[in-house]
N, C-alpha and C. Protein backbone atom coordinates (compact mmCIF):
# COMPACT_ATOMS: atom_id res chain seq x y z
N MET A 1 0.84 -1.18 0.00
CA MET A 1 0.00 0.00 0.00
C MET A 1 0.89 1.24 0.00
N VAL A 2 0.66 2.13 -0.89
CA VAL A 2 1.44 3.35 -1.01
C VAL A 2 0.51 4.52 -0.76
N MET A 3 0.94 5.41 0.15
CA MET A 3 0.13 6.59 0.46
C MET A 3 0.93 7.83 0.18
N LYS A 4 0.25 8.87 -0.18
CA LYS A 4 0.89 10.17 -0.31
C LYS A 4 0.35 11.05 0.80
N THR A 5 1.26 11.76 1.47
CA THR A 5 0.81 12.67 2.51
C THR A 5 0.27 13.96 1.91
N SER A 6 0.75 14.33 0.76
CA SER A 6 0.20 15.44 -0.02
C SER A 6 0.68 15.27 -1.45
N ASP A 7 0.22 16.10 -2.34
CA ASP A 7 0.60 15.96 -3.75
C ASP A 7 2.08 16.21 -3.98
N THR A 8 2.71 17.03 -3.15
CA THR A 8 4.12 17.36 -3.37
C THR A 8 5.05 16.41 -2.63
N ASP A 9 4.53 15.63 -1.68
CA ASP A 9 5.38 14.71 -0.91
C ASP A 9 5.63 13.43 -1.70
N LYS A 10 6.69 12.77 -1.30
CA LYS A 10 6.99 11.46 -1.88
C LYS A 10 6.03 10.44 -1.27
N PRO A 11 5.77 9.35 -1.96
CA PRO A 11 4.89 8.32 -1.39
C PRO A 11 5.50 7.73 -0.12
N CYS A 12 4.65 7.49 0.86
CA CYS A 12 5.11 6.88 2.11
C CYS A 12 5.18 5.38 1.94
N SER A 13 6.15 4.77 2.55
CA SER A 13 6.26 3.32 2.51
C SER A 13 5.36 2.73 3.60
N GLN A 14 5.28 1.43 3.63
CA GLN A 14 4.47 0.74 4.64
C GLN A 14 5.02 1.05 6.03
N LEU A 15 6.34 1.19 6.14
CA LEU A 15 6.96 1.51 7.42
C LEU A 15 6.50 2.88 7.91
N CYS A 16 6.41 3.82 6.99
CA CYS A 16 5.96 5.17 7.34
C CYS A 16 4.54 5.12 7.90
N VAL A 17 3.67 4.36 7.27
CA VAL A 17 2.29 4.22 7.72
C VAL A 17 2.26 3.54 9.08
N SER A 18 3.06 2.50 9.23
CA SER A 18 3.12 1.78 10.49
C SER A 18 3.60 2.69 11.62
N GLU A 19 4.61 3.48 11.34
CA GLU A 19 5.12 4.41 12.35
C GLU A 19 4.06 5.45 12.72
N TYR A 20 3.37 5.93 11.70
CA TYR A 20 2.31 6.91 11.94
C TYR A 20 1.21 6.31 12.82
N LEU A 21 0.78 5.10 12.46
CA LEU A 21 -0.28 4.45 13.23
C LEU A 21 0.17 4.18 14.67
N SER A 22 1.41 3.76 14.82
CA SER A 22 1.94 3.51 16.16
C SER A 22 1.96 4.80 16.99
N ALA A 23 2.43 5.87 16.39
CA ALA A 23 2.47 7.15 17.09
C ALA A 23 1.07 7.64 17.42
N ARG A 24 0.17 7.47 16.47
CA ARG A 24 -1.23 7.90 16.68
C ARG A 24 -1.89 7.08 17.78
N ARG A 25 -1.62 5.77 17.80
CA ARG A 25 -2.15 4.89 18.83
C ARG A 25 -1.66 5.32 20.21
N LYS A 26 -0.37 5.63 20.30
CA LYS A 26 0.20 6.09 21.57
C LYS A 26 -0.46 7.40 22.01
N GLU A 27 -0.68 8.29 21.06
CA GLU A 27 -1.31 9.58 21.37
C GLU A 27 -2.73 9.38 21.88
N VAL A 28 -3.48 8.52 21.20
CA VAL A 28 -4.87 8.27 21.61
C VAL A 28 -4.91 7.63 23.00
N LEU A 29 -4.05 6.64 23.23
CA LEU A 29 -4.01 6.00 24.54
C LEU A 29 -3.59 6.98 25.63
N SER A 30 -2.63 7.81 25.32
CA SER A 30 -2.18 8.82 26.28
C SER A 30 -3.32 9.77 26.63
N ASN A 31 -4.05 10.23 25.63
CA ASN A 31 -5.20 11.11 25.87
C ASN A 31 -6.27 10.39 26.68
N TYR A 32 -6.51 9.13 26.36
CA TYR A 32 -7.51 8.35 27.09
C TYR A 32 -7.12 8.23 28.56
N TYR A 33 -5.88 7.82 28.82
CA TYR A 33 -5.43 7.66 30.20
C TYR A 33 -5.45 8.98 30.95
N THR A 34 -5.11 10.06 30.27
CA THR A 34 -5.16 11.38 30.90
C THR A 34 -6.59 11.73 31.28
N ASN A 35 -7.54 11.47 30.39
CA ASN A 35 -8.95 11.74 30.69
C ASN A 35 -9.45 10.88 31.84
N VAL A 36 -9.04 9.60 31.85
CA VAL A 36 -9.45 8.71 32.94
C VAL A 36 -8.91 9.23 34.27
N LYS A 37 -7.66 9.62 34.30
CA LYS A 37 -7.06 10.13 35.53
C LYS A 37 -7.72 11.43 35.97
N GLU A 38 -8.05 12.30 35.03
CA GLU A 38 -8.74 13.55 35.38
C GLU A 38 -10.11 13.25 35.99
N GLU A 39 -10.82 12.28 35.44
CA GLU A 39 -12.12 11.89 36.00
C GLU A 39 -11.96 11.31 37.41
N GLU A 40 -10.92 10.51 37.61
CA GLU A 40 -10.66 9.96 38.94
C GLU A 40 -10.37 11.07 39.94
N ILE A 41 -9.58 12.04 39.53
CA ILE A 41 -9.26 13.17 40.40
C ILE A 41 -10.52 13.94 40.75
N LEU A 42 -11.36 14.22 39.75
CA LEU A 42 -12.62 14.93 40.01
C LEU A 42 -13.51 14.13 40.95
N ASN A 43 -13.56 12.83 40.76
CA ASN A 43 -14.37 11.99 41.63
C ASN A 43 -13.84 12.03 43.07
N PHE A 44 -12.52 11.93 43.24
CA PHE A 44 -11.95 12.00 44.58
C PHE A 44 -12.20 13.37 45.21
N ARG A 45 -12.14 14.43 44.42
CA ARG A 45 -12.43 15.76 44.96
C ARG A 45 -13.87 15.85 45.44
N ARG A 46 -14.80 15.25 44.67
CA ARG A 46 -16.21 15.23 45.10
C ARG A 46 -16.35 14.47 46.42
N ILE A 47 -15.68 13.33 46.50
CA ILE A 47 -15.74 12.52 47.72
C ILE A 47 -15.16 13.30 48.90
N VAL A 48 -14.03 13.95 48.70
CA VAL A 48 -13.40 14.73 49.77
C VAL A 48 -14.32 15.87 50.21
N THR A 49 -14.94 16.55 49.25
CA THR A 49 -15.85 17.65 49.58
C THR A 49 -17.04 17.13 50.39
N GLN A 50 -17.61 16.02 49.97
CA GLN A 50 -18.74 15.44 50.71
C GLN A 50 -18.32 15.03 52.11
N GLU A 51 -17.16 14.41 52.23
CA GLU A 51 -16.68 13.97 53.54
C GLU A 51 -16.39 15.17 54.44
N ARG A 52 -15.80 16.22 53.87
CA ARG A 52 -15.53 17.43 54.64
C ARG A 52 -16.83 18.04 55.16
N GLN A 53 -17.85 18.10 54.30
CA GLN A 53 -19.15 18.64 54.72
C GLN A 53 -19.78 17.78 55.81
N ARG A 54 -19.66 16.47 55.66
CA ARG A 54 -20.20 15.56 56.67
C ARG A 54 -19.51 15.75 58.01
N LEU A 55 -18.20 15.87 57.98
CA LEU A 55 -17.44 16.07 59.22
C LEU A 55 -17.73 17.43 59.85
N GLN A 56 -17.88 18.46 59.03
CA GLN A 56 -18.22 19.78 59.57
C GLN A 56 -19.59 19.76 60.23
N SER A 57 -20.52 19.05 59.64
CA SER A 57 -21.86 18.92 60.22
C SER A 57 -21.78 18.18 61.55
N LYS A 58 -21.02 17.10 61.59
CA LYS A 58 -20.86 16.35 62.84
C LYS A 58 -20.19 17.22 63.90
N MET A 59 -19.22 18.04 63.50
CA MET A 59 -18.53 18.91 64.44
C MET A 59 -19.50 19.94 65.01
N ARG A 60 -20.34 20.53 64.16
CA ARG A 60 -21.34 21.49 64.65
C ARG A 60 -22.29 20.82 65.64
N ASN A 61 -22.74 19.61 65.30
CA ASN A 61 -23.63 18.88 66.20
C ASN A 61 -22.94 18.58 67.52
N PHE A 62 -21.67 18.19 67.45
CA PHE A 62 -20.90 17.91 68.66
C PHE A 62 -20.78 19.16 69.52
N GLU A 63 -20.51 20.31 68.90
CA GLU A 63 -20.39 21.56 69.65
C GLU A 63 -21.72 21.93 70.31
N LEU A 64 -22.83 21.74 69.60
CA LEU A 64 -24.14 22.02 70.18
C LEU A 64 -24.44 21.08 71.35
N GLU A 65 -24.15 19.80 71.17
CA GLU A 65 -24.35 18.84 72.25
C GLU A 65 -23.46 19.16 73.44
N SER A 66 -22.25 19.56 73.17
CA SER A 66 -21.32 19.93 74.24
C SER A 66 -21.85 21.12 75.03
N ALA A 67 -22.37 22.11 74.33
CA ALA A 67 -22.94 23.29 75.00
C ALA A 67 -24.15 22.88 75.83
N ASP A 68 -24.99 21.99 75.32
CA ASP A 68 -26.15 21.50 76.08
C ASP A 68 -25.70 20.76 77.33
N ILE A 69 -24.70 19.92 77.19
CA ILE A 69 -24.19 19.17 78.34
C ILE A 69 -23.63 20.12 79.39
N GLN A 70 -22.87 21.13 78.94
CA GLN A 70 -22.31 22.10 79.89
C GLN A 70 -23.43 22.82 80.64
N GLU A 71 -24.47 23.20 79.93
CA GLU A 71 -25.60 23.88 80.56
C GLU A 71 -26.29 22.97 81.57
N LYS A 72 -26.48 21.72 81.24
CA LYS A 72 -27.11 20.76 82.16
C LYS A 72 -26.24 20.54 83.39
N LEU A 73 -24.93 20.49 83.21
CA LEU A 73 -24.02 20.34 84.35
C LEU A 73 -24.11 21.54 85.28
N LYS A 74 -24.18 22.74 84.71
CA LYS A 74 -24.32 23.95 85.52
C LYS A 74 -25.63 23.91 86.31
N GLU A 75 -26.72 23.50 85.65
CA GLU A 75 -28.01 23.39 86.32
C GLU A 75 -27.95 22.36 87.44
N ASN A 76 -27.31 21.24 87.20
CA ASN A 76 -27.16 20.21 88.24
C ASN A 76 -26.33 20.73 89.40
N ASP A 77 -25.26 21.47 89.11
CA ASP A 77 -24.44 22.06 90.17
C ASP A 77 -25.26 23.03 91.00
N ARG A 78 -26.05 23.90 90.35
CA ARG A 78 -26.90 24.85 91.07
C ARG A 78 -27.91 24.11 91.94
N ALA A 79 -28.52 23.08 91.37
CA ALA A 79 -29.51 22.31 92.14
C ALA A 79 -28.85 21.62 93.32
N ALA A 80 -27.66 21.10 93.14
CA ALA A 80 -26.95 20.43 94.23
C ALA A 80 -26.58 21.42 95.32
N ILE A 81 -26.12 22.61 94.93
CA ILE A 81 -25.76 23.64 95.91
C ILE A 81 -27.00 24.08 96.67
N GLU A 82 -28.12 24.28 95.99
CA GLU A 82 -29.36 24.67 96.64
C GLU A 82 -29.82 23.60 97.62
N ALA A 83 -29.66 22.33 97.24
CA ALA A 83 -30.07 21.24 98.11
C ALA A 83 -29.20 21.19 99.35
N ILE A 84 -27.92 21.49 99.21
CA ILE A 84 -27.01 21.49 100.37
C ILE A 84 -27.33 22.65 101.28
N VAL A 85 -27.60 23.82 100.70
CA VAL A 85 -27.87 25.02 101.48
C VAL A 85 -29.17 24.86 102.27
N LYS A 86 -30.16 24.21 101.74
CA LYS A 86 -31.46 24.07 102.42
C LYS A 86 -31.42 23.12 103.52
């Protein structure tokens, strides 16, 4: 099979075509792997964002519960002091 790259070029040999196809195959695979890795990175970023939001929510809940517990302890202390005083 003889191919011309343009009207002014010399005909390419089978080796030339083979080299072109090999280079093109490498380029396509490289682009594919790059796209796959970019998708993986985006997916991990989504997961990290979701996990960060989940942890922040748990932290807020923990802080609210901690404040409630502190308030209940203060009330218990006041009640205990009043019981001792009476």
